[in-house]
Amino acid sequence: MPLVQPGETRRRRADAVQDLLLRCLLPAVAAVVCGAAGVAVCWAVLPVAAAGGGAAERAAAQRRGPAARALDVLEGAADLAVLR
């Protein structure tokens, strides 16, 4: 009786390819994509903060409205819970 059955090496090779894809390649690609997204967000946000002067003031003015609305929603949530 042979140690390796016919077709078994093909299955082992297919399992090895699956292991390579799922355990090595997929996590590496996910890490690169997430890292690139983080770098892109930081690259987009930090120059505005570092520019100073008018650019930072304009960015703060644009953020003021949504921040105030978010605060109103959070503060109003307690009132809605009481009325419930």
PDB file of N, CA and C in Angstrom:
ATOM      1  N   MET A   1       0.845  -1.177   0.000  1.00  0.00           N
ATOM      2  CA  MET A   1       0.000   0.000   0.000  1.00  0.00           C
ATOM      3  C   MET A   1       0.893   1.243   0.000  1.00  0.00           C
ATOM      4  N   PRO A   2       0.706   2.117  -0.965  1.00  0.00           N
ATOM      5  CA  PRO A   2       1.553   3.309  -1.033  1.00  0.00           C
ATOM      6  C   PRO A   2       1.216   4.283   0.094  1.00  0.00           C
ATOM      7  N   LEU A   3       2.221   5.063   0.483  1.00  0.00           N
ATOM      8  CA  LEU A   3       2.010   6.051   1.553  1.00  0.00           C
ATOM      9  C   LEU A   3       1.111   7.193   1.120  1.00  0.00           C
ATOM     10  N   VAL A   4       1.164   7.532  -0.154  1.00  0.00           N
ATOM     11  CA  VAL A   4       0.355   8.632  -0.674  1.00  0.00           C
ATOM     12  C   VAL A   4      -0.646   8.050  -1.660  1.00  0.00           C
ATOM     13  N   GLN A   5      -1.914   8.293  -1.403  1.00  0.00           N
ATOM     14  CA  GLN A   5      -2.959   7.797  -2.282  1.00  0.00           C
ATOM     15  C   GLN A   5      -2.975   8.623  -3.574  1.00  0.00           C
ATOM     16  N   PRO A   6      -3.456   8.030  -4.656  1.00  0.00           N
ATOM     17  CA  PRO A   6      -3.546   8.789  -5.909  1.00  0.00           C
ATOM     18  C   PRO A   6      -4.469  10.003  -5.736  1.00  0.00           C
ATOM     19  N   GLY A   7      -4.021  11.115  -6.216  1.00  0.00           N
ATOM     20  CA  GLY A   7      -4.807  12.342  -6.097  1.00  0.00           C
ATOM     21  C   GLY A   7      -4.594  13.096  -4.795  1.00  0.00           C
ATOM     22  N   GLU A   8      -3.935  12.462  -3.833  1.00  0.00           N
ATOM     23  CA  GLU A   8      -3.739  13.103  -2.530  1.00  0.00           C
ATOM     24  C   GLU A   8      -2.754  14.271  -2.620  1.00  0.00           C
ATOM     25  N   THR A   9      -1.731  14.126  -3.454  1.00  0.00           N
ATOM     26  CA  THR A   9      -0.780  15.231  -3.590  1.00  0.00           C
ATOM     27  C   THR A   9      -1.455  16.454  -4.190  1.00  0.00           C
ATOM     28  N   ARG A  10      -2.399  16.242  -5.083  1.00  0.00           N
ATOM     29  CA  ARG A  10      -3.132  17.354  -5.680  1.00  0.00           C
ATOM     30  C   ARG A  10      -3.966  18.066  -4.598  1.00  0.00           C
ATOM     31  N   ARG A  11      -4.594  17.265  -3.722  1.00  0.00           N
ATOM     32  CA  ARG A  11      -5.373  17.855  -2.628  1.00  0.00           C
ATOM     33  C   ARG A  11      -4.474  18.608  -1.670  1.00  0.00           C
ATOM     34  N   ARG A  12      -3.311  18.050  -1.376  1.00  0.00           N
ATOM     35  CA  ARG A  12      -2.375  18.730  -0.482  1.00  0.00           C
ATOM     36  C   ARG A  12      -1.902  20.043  -1.094  1.00  0.00           C
ATOM     37  N   ARG A  13      -1.665  20.028  -2.399  1.00  0.00           N
ATOM     38  CA  ARG A  13      -1.226  21.238  -3.077  1.00  0.00           C
ATOM     39  C   ARG A  13      -2.347  22.280  -3.045  1.00  0.00           C
ATOM     40  N   ALA A  14      -3.587  21.850  -3.267  1.00  0.00           N
ATOM     41  CA  ALA A  14      -4.720  22.774  -3.213  1.00  0.00           C
ATOM     42  C   ALA A  14      -4.879  23.341  -1.806  1.00  0.00           C
ATOM     43  N   ASP A  15      -4.695  22.516  -0.791  1.00  0.00           N
ATOM     44  CA  ASP A  15      -4.764  22.994   0.594  1.00  0.00           C
ATOM     45  C   ASP A  15      -3.650  23.990   0.883  1.00  0.00           C
ATOM     46  N   ALA A  16      -2.479  23.726   0.343  1.00  0.00           N
ATOM     47  CA  ALA A  16      -1.360  24.642   0.552  1.00  0.00           C
ATOM     48  C   ALA A  16      -1.631  25.993  -0.105  1.00  0.00           C
ATOM     49  N   VAL A  17      -2.232  25.976  -1.284  1.00  0.00           N
ATOM     50  CA  VAL A  17      -2.570  27.227  -1.956  1.00  0.00           C
ATOM     51  C   VAL A  17      -3.627  27.982  -1.162  1.00  0.00           C
ATOM     52  N   GLN A  18      -4.637  27.261  -0.657  1.00  0.00           N
ATOM     53  CA  GLN A  18      -5.661  27.898   0.172  1.00  0.00           C
ATOM     54  C   GLN A  18      -5.052  28.488   1.437  1.00  0.00           C
ATOM     55  N   ASP A  19      -4.170  27.753   2.078  1.00  0.00           N
ATOM     56  CA  ASP A  19      -3.497  28.271   3.269  1.00  0.00           C
ATOM     57  C   ASP A  19      -2.712  29.533   2.952  1.00  0.00           C
ATOM     58  N   LEU A  20      -2.024  29.516   1.828  1.00  0.00           N
ATOM     59  CA  LEU A  20      -1.250  30.693   1.435  1.00  0.00           C
ATOM     60  C   LEU A  20      -2.164  31.898   1.236  1.00  0.00           C
ATOM     61  N   LEU A  21      -3.272  31.693   0.543  1.00  0.00           N
ATOM     62  CA  LEU A  21      -4.179  32.798   0.261  1.00  0.00           C
ATOM     63  C   LEU A  21      -4.872  33.303   1.527  1.00  0.00           C
ATOM     64  N   LEU A  22      -5.398  32.399   2.331  1.00  0.00           N
ATOM     65  CA  LEU A  22      -6.206  32.806   3.479  1.00  0.00           C
ATOM     66  C   LEU A  22      -5.387  33.209   4.692  1.00  0.00           C
ATOM     67  N   ARG A  23      -4.247  32.596   4.894  1.00  0.00           N
ATOM     68  CA  ARG A  23      -3.473  32.863   6.108  1.00  0.00           C
ATOM     69  C   ARG A  23      -2.332  33.839   5.897  1.00  0.00           C
ATOM     70  N   CYS A  24      -1.891  34.012   4.664  1.00  0.00           N
ATOM     71  CA  CYS A  24      -0.742  34.899   4.409  1.00  0.00           C
ATOM     72  C   CYS A  24      -1.124  36.104   3.575  1.00  0.00           C
ATOM     73  N   LEU A  25      -1.673  35.848   2.409  1.00  0.00           N
ATOM     74  CA  LEU A  25      -1.912  36.923   1.458  1.00  0.00           C
ATOM     75  C   LEU A  25      -3.057  37.836   1.889  1.00  0.00           C
ATOM     76  N   LEU A  26      -4.169  37.279   2.319  1.00  0.00           N
ATOM     77  CA  LEU A  26      -5.324  38.087   2.704  1.00  0.00           C
ATOM     78  C   LEU A  26      -5.019  39.022   3.877  1.00  0.00           C
ATOM     79  N   PRO A  27      -4.419  38.557   4.973  1.00  0.00           N
ATOM     80  CA  PRO A  27      -4.082  39.492   6.056  1.00  0.00           C
ATOM     81  C   PRO A  27      -3.072  40.560   5.629  1.00  0.00           C
ATOM     82  N   ALA A  28      -2.129  40.196   4.784  1.00  0.00           N
ATOM     83  CA  ALA A  28      -1.151  41.175   4.326  1.00  0.00           C
ATOM     84  C   ALA A  28      -1.811  42.256   3.475  1.00  0.00           C
ATOM     85  N   VAL A  29      -2.701  41.856   2.589  1.00  0.00           N
ATOM     86  CA  VAL A  29      -3.408  42.832   1.751  1.00  0.00           C
ATOM     87  C   VAL A  29      -4.306  43.711   2.617  1.00  0.00           C
ATOM     88  N   ALA A  30      -4.991  43.127   3.588  1.00  0.00           N
ATOM     89  CA  ALA A  30      -5.857  43.916   4.472  1.00  0.00           C
ATOM     90  C   ALA A  30      -5.039  44.926   5.267  1.00  0.00           C
ATOM     91  N   ALA A  31      -3.875  44.534   5.730  1.00  0.00           N
ATOM     92  CA  ALA A  31      -3.022  45.454   6.484  1.00  0.00           C
ATOM     93  C   ALA A  31      -2.535  46.602   5.611  1.00  0.00           C
ATOM     94  N   VAL A  32      -2.175  46.302   4.383  1.00  0.00           N
ATOM     95  CA  VAL A  32      -1.707  47.354   3.473  1.00  0.00           C
ATOM     96  C   VAL A  32      -2.843  48.314   3.134  1.00  0.00           C
ATOM     97  N   VAL A  33      -4.032  47.787   2.875  1.00  0.00           N
ATOM     98  CA  VAL A  33      -5.171  48.640   2.531  1.00  0.00           C
ATOM     99  C   VAL A  33      -5.558  49.526   3.712  1.00  0.00           C
ATOM    100  N   CYS A  34      -5.635  48.953   4.903  1.00  0.00           N
ATOM    101  CA  CYS A  34      -5.987  49.750   6.090  1.00  0.00           C
ATOM    102  C   CYS A  34      -4.908  50.780   6.406  1.00  0.00           C
ATOM    103  N   GLY A  35      -3.673  50.399   6.274  1.00  0.00           N
ATOM    104  CA  GLY A  35      -2.587  51.346   6.509  1.00  0.00           C
ATOM    105  C   GLY A  35      -2.613  52.490   5.517  1.00  0.00           C
ATOM    106  N   ALA A  36      -2.858  52.180   4.250  1.00  0.00           N
ATOM    107  CA  ALA A  36      -2.931  53.227   3.227  1.00  0.00           C
ATOM    108  C   ALA A  36      -4.112  54.157   3.475  1.00  0.00           C
ATOM    109  N   ALA A  37      -5.233  53.602   3.917  1.00  0.00           N
ATOM    110  CA  ALA A  37      -6.388  54.446   4.226  1.00  0.00           C
ATOM    111  C   ALA A  37      -6.086  55.367   5.401  1.00  0.00           C
ATOM    112  N   GLY A  38      -5.423  54.850   6.417  1.00  0.00           N
ATOM    113  CA  GLY A  38      -5.052  55.683   7.561  1.00  0.00           C
ATOM    114  C   GLY A  38      -4.090  56.792   7.184  1.00  0.00           C
ATOM    115  N   VAL A  39      -3.130  56.470   6.355  1.00  0.00           N
ATOM    116  CA  VAL A  39      -2.176  57.480   5.894  1.00  0.00           C
ATOM    117  C   VAL A  39      -2.896  58.536   5.060  1.00  0.00           C
ATOM    118  N   ALA A  40      -3.817  58.113   4.209  1.00  0.00           N
ATOM    119  CA  ALA A  40      -4.548  59.064   3.366  1.00  0.00           C
ATOM    120  C   ALA A  40      -5.391  60.015   4.210  1.00  0.00           C
ATOM    121  N   VAL A  41      -6.055  59.495   5.235  1.00  0.00           N
ATOM    122  CA  VAL A  41      -6.864  60.349   6.107  1.00  0.00           C
ATOM    123  C   VAL A  41      -5.972  61.330   6.853  1.00  0.00           C
ATOM    124  N   CYS A  42      -4.888  60.854   7.405  1.00  0.00           N
ATOM    125  CA  CYS A  42      -3.973  61.755   8.129  1.00  0.00           C
ATOM    126  C   CYS A  42      -3.374  62.788   7.195  1.00  0.00           C
ATOM    127  N   TRP A  43      -3.047  62.383   5.992  1.00  0.00           N
ATOM    128  CA  TRP A  43      -2.456  63.300   5.024  1.00  0.00           C
ATOM    129  C   TRP A  43      -3.457  64.380   4.614  1.00  0.00           C
ATOM    130  N   ALA A  44      -4.747  64.012   4.585  1.00  0.00           N
ATOM    131  CA  ALA A  44      -5.779  64.976   4.208  1.00  0.00           C
ATOM    132  C   ALA A  44      -6.096  65.931   5.351  1.00  0.00           C
ATOM    133  N   VAL A  45      -6.014  65.470   6.587  1.00  0.00           N
ATOM    134  CA  VAL A  45      -6.428  66.275   7.737  1.00  0.00           C
ATOM    135  C   VAL A  45      -5.282  67.117   8.283  1.00  0.00           C
ATOM    136  N   LEU A  46      -4.102  66.568   8.394  1.00  0.00           N
ATOM    137  CA  LEU A  46      -3.012  67.286   9.051  1.00  0.00           C
ATOM    138  C   LEU A  46      -2.540  68.545   8.334  1.00  0.00           C
ATOM    139  N   PRO A  47      -2.488  68.586   7.017  1.00  0.00           N
ATOM    140  CA  PRO A  47      -2.045  69.842   6.401  1.00  0.00           C
ATOM    141  C   PRO A  47      -2.957  71.023   6.728  1.00  0.00           C
ATOM    142  N   VAL A  48      -4.245  70.785   6.903  1.00  0.00           N
ATOM    143  CA  VAL A  48      -5.163  71.863   7.264  1.00  0.00           C
ATOM    144  C   VAL A  48      -4.825  72.368   8.656  1.00  0.00           C
ATOM    145  N   ALA A  49      -4.539  71.461   9.571  1.00  0.00           N
ATOM    146  CA  ALA A  49      -4.219  71.869  10.937  1.00  0.00           C
ATOM    147  C   ALA A  49      -2.850  72.533  10.996  1.00  0.00           C
ATOM    148  N   ALA A  50      -1.930  72.085  10.175  1.00  0.00           N
ATOM    149  CA  ALA A  50      -0.576  72.638  10.211  1.00  0.00           C
ATOM    150  C   ALA A  50      -0.466  73.942   9.432  1.00  0.00           C
ATOM    151  N   ALA A  51      -1.417  74.216   8.552  1.00  0.00           N
ATOM    152  CA  ALA A  51      -1.333  75.415   7.717  1.00  0.00           C
ATOM    153  C   ALA A  51      -1.448  76.683   8.555  1.00  0.00           C
ATOM    154  N   GLY A  52      -2.261  76.624   9.605  1.00  0.00           N
ATOM    155  CA  GLY A  52      -2.432  77.805  10.441  1.00  0.00           C
ATOM    156  C   GLY A  52      -3.126  78.920   9.685  1.00  0.00           C
ATOM    157  N   GLY A  53      -3.318  80.030  10.358  1.00  0.00           N
ATOM    158  CA  GLY A  53      -3.891  81.206   9.708  1.00  0.00           C
ATOM    159  C   GLY A  53      -5.287  80.968   9.191  1.00  0.00           C
ATOM    160  N   GLY A  54      -5.528  81.416   7.982  1.00  0.00           N
ATOM    161  CA  GLY A  54      -6.871  81.395   7.407  1.00  0.00           C
ATOM    162  C   GLY A  54      -7.399  80.013   7.129  1.00  0.00           C
ATOM    163  N   ALA A  55      -6.552  79.111   6.694  1.00  0.00           N
ATOM    164  CA  ALA A  55      -7.022  77.767   6.355  1.00  0.00           C
ATOM    165  C   ALA A  55      -7.548  77.049   7.585  1.00  0.00           C
ATOM    166  N   ALA A  56      -6.848  77.159   8.690  1.00  0.00           N
ATOM    167  CA  ALA A  56      -7.301  76.503   9.920  1.00  0.00           C
ATOM    168  C   ALA A  56      -8.583  77.143  10.430  1.00  0.00           C
ATOM    169  N   GLU A  57      -8.692  78.456  10.321  1.00  0.00           N
ATOM    170  CA  GLU A  57      -9.909  79.130  10.778  1.00  0.00           C
ATOM    171  C   GLU A  57     -11.102  78.747   9.910  1.00  0.00           C
ATOM    172  N   ARG A  58     -10.897  78.641   8.607  1.00  0.00           N
ATOM    173  CA  ARG A  58     -11.992  78.233   7.719  1.00  0.00           C
ATOM    174  C   ARG A  58     -12.416  76.792   8.016  1.00  0.00           C
ATOM    175  N   ALA A  59     -11.449  75.930   8.257  1.00  0.00           N
ATOM    176  CA  ALA A  59     -11.782  74.538   8.578  1.00  0.00           C
ATOM    177  C   ALA A  59     -12.534  74.462   9.900  1.00  0.00           C
ATOM    178  N   ALA A  60     -12.121  75.269  10.882  1.00  0.00           N
ATOM    179  CA  ALA A  60     -12.821  75.275  12.172  1.00  0.00           C
ATOM    180  C   ALA A  60     -14.236  75.790  12.010  1.00  0.00           C
ATOM    181  N   ALA A  61     -14.430  76.795  11.179  1.00  0.00           N
ATOM    182  CA  ALA A  61     -15.768  77.341  10.943  1.00  0.00           C
ATOM    183  C   ALA A  61     -16.663  76.302  10.260  1.00  0.00           C
ATOM    184  N   GLN A  62     -16.096  75.518   9.348  1.00  0.00           N
ATOM    185  CA  GLN A  62     -16.882  74.487   8.668  1.00  0.00           C
ATOM    186  C   GLN A  62     -17.246  73.355   9.621  1.00  0.00           C
ATOM    187  N   ARG A  63     -16.392  73.081  10.598  1.00  0.00           N
ATOM    188  CA  ARG A  63     -16.676  72.003  11.548  1.00  0.00           C
ATOM    189  C   ARG A  63     -17.599  72.450  12.675  1.00  0.00           C
ATOM    190  N   ARG A  64     -17.717  73.725  12.886  1.00  0.00           N
ATOM    191  CA  ARG A  64     -18.497  74.248  14.007  1.00  0.00           C
ATOM    192  C   ARG A  64     -19.968  73.855  13.890  1.00  0.00           C
ATOM    193  N   GLY A  65     -20.541  73.974  12.695  1.00  0.00           N
ATOM    194  CA  GLY A  65     -21.962  73.656  12.497  1.00  0.00           C
ATOM    195  C   GLY A  65     -22.286  72.196  12.786  1.00  0.00           C
ATOM    196  N   PRO A  66     -21.618  71.258  12.143  1.00  0.00           N
ATOM    197  CA  PRO A  66     -21.910  69.845  12.432  1.00  0.00           C
ATOM    198  C   PRO A  66     -21.623  69.459  13.887  1.00  0.00           C
ATOM    199  N   ALA A  67     -20.600  70.063  14.476  1.00  0.00           N
ATOM    200  CA  ALA A  67     -20.303  69.752  15.877  1.00  0.00           C
ATOM    201  C   ALA A  67     -21.432  70.231  16.783  1.00  0.00           C
ATOM    202  N   ALA A  68     -21.965  71.415  16.503  1.00  0.00           N
ATOM    203  CA  ALA A  68     -23.072  71.939  17.310  1.00  0.00           C
ATOM    204  C   ALA A  68     -24.312  71.067  17.151  1.00  0.00           C
ATOM    205  N   ARG A  69     -24.589  70.617  15.914  1.00  0.00           N
ATOM    206  CA  ARG A  69     -25.753  69.742  15.700  1.00  0.00           C
ATOM    207  C   ARG A  69     -25.577  68.406  16.428  1.00  0.00           C
ATOM    208  N   ALA A  70     -24.377  67.855  16.381  1.00  0.00           N
ATOM    209  CA  ALA A  70     -24.126  66.580  17.065  1.00  0.00           C
ATOM    210  C   ALA A  70     -24.294  66.746  18.571  1.00  0.00           C
ATOM    211  N   LEU A  71     -23.818  67.856  19.113  1.00  0.00           N
ATOM    212  CA  LEU A  71     -23.969  68.116  20.542  1.00  0.00           C
ATOM    213  C   LEU A  71     -25.434  68.269  20.906  1.00  0.00           C
ATOM    214  N   ASP A  72     -26.215  68.960  20.075  1.00  0.00           N
ATOM    215  CA  ASP A  72     -27.650  69.108  20.328  1.00  0.00           C
ATOM    216  C   ASP A  72     -28.349  67.759  20.345  1.00  0.00           C
ATOM    217  N   VAL A  73     -27.974  66.884  19.426  1.00  0.00           N
ATOM    218  CA  VAL A  73     -28.581  65.552  19.383  1.00  0.00           C
ATOM    219  C   VAL A  73     -28.227  64.767  20.641  1.00  0.00           C
ATOM    220  N   LEU A  74     -26.955  64.824  21.050  1.00  0.00           N
ATOM    221  CA  LEU A  74     -26.545  64.072  22.235  1.00  0.00           C
ATOM    222  C   LEU A  74     -27.204  64.622  23.498  1.00  0.00           C
ATOM    223  N   GLU A  75     -27.288  65.931  23.608  1.00  0.00           N
ATOM    224  CA  GLU A  75     -27.916  66.516  24.802  1.00  0.00           C
ATOM    225  C   GLU A  75     -29.415  66.284  24.794  1.00  0.00           C
ATOM    226  N   GLY A  76     -30.030  66.262  23.631  1.00  0.00           N
ATOM    227  CA  GLY A  76     -31.468  66.053  23.535  1.00  0.00           C
ATOM    228  C   GLY A  76     -31.868  64.599  23.740  1.00  0.00           C
ATOM    229  N   ALA A  77     -30.922  63.678  23.649  1.00  0.00           N
ATOM    230  CA  ALA A  77     -31.240  62.260  23.806  1.00  0.00           C
ATOM    231  C   ALA A  77     -31.739  61.959  25.210  1.00  0.00           C
ATOM    232  N   ALA A  78     -31.207  62.645  26.220  1.00  0.00           N
ATOM    233  CA  ALA A  78     -31.670  62.429  27.590  1.00  0.00           C
ATOM    234  C   ALA A  78     -33.124  62.876  27.746  1.00  0.00           C
ATOM    235  N   ASP A  79     -33.500  63.994  27.100  1.00  0.00           N
ATOM    236  CA  ASP A  79     -34.874  64.453  27.167  1.00  0.00           C
ATOM    237  C   ASP A  79     -35.807  63.458  26.494  1.00  0.00           C
ATOM    238  N   LEU A  80     -35.385  62.877  25.381  1.00  0.00           N
ATOM    239  CA  LEU A  80     -36.218  61.890  24.704  1.00  0.00           C
ATOM    240  C   LEU A  80     -36.365  60.634  25.540  1.00  0.00           C
ATOM    241  N   ALA A  81     -35.346  60.259  26.262  1.00  0.00           N
ATOM    242  CA  ALA A  81     -35.431  59.059  27.107  1.00  0.00           C
ATOM    243  C   ALA A  81     -36.410  59.288  28.253  1.00  0.00           C
ATOM    244  N   VAL A  82     -36.490  60.507  28.784  1.00  0.00           N
ATOM    245  CA  VAL A  82     -37.419  60.807  29.867  1.00  0.00           C
ATOM    246  C   VAL A  82     -38.850  60.775  29.377  1.00  0.00           C
ATOM    247  N   LEU A  83     -39.087  61.278  28.175  1.00  0.00           N
ATOM    248  CA  LEU A  83     -40.432  61.321  27.635  1.00  0.00           C
ATOM    249  C   LEU A  83     -40.939  59.954  27.203  1.00  0.00           C
ATOM    250  N   ARG A  84     -40.087  59.037  27.097  1.00  0.00           N
ATOM    251  CA  ARG A  84     -40.453  57.710  26.618  1.00  0.00           C
ATOM    252  C   ARG A  84     -41.303  56.991  27.565  1.00  0.00           C
TER     253      ARG A  84
END
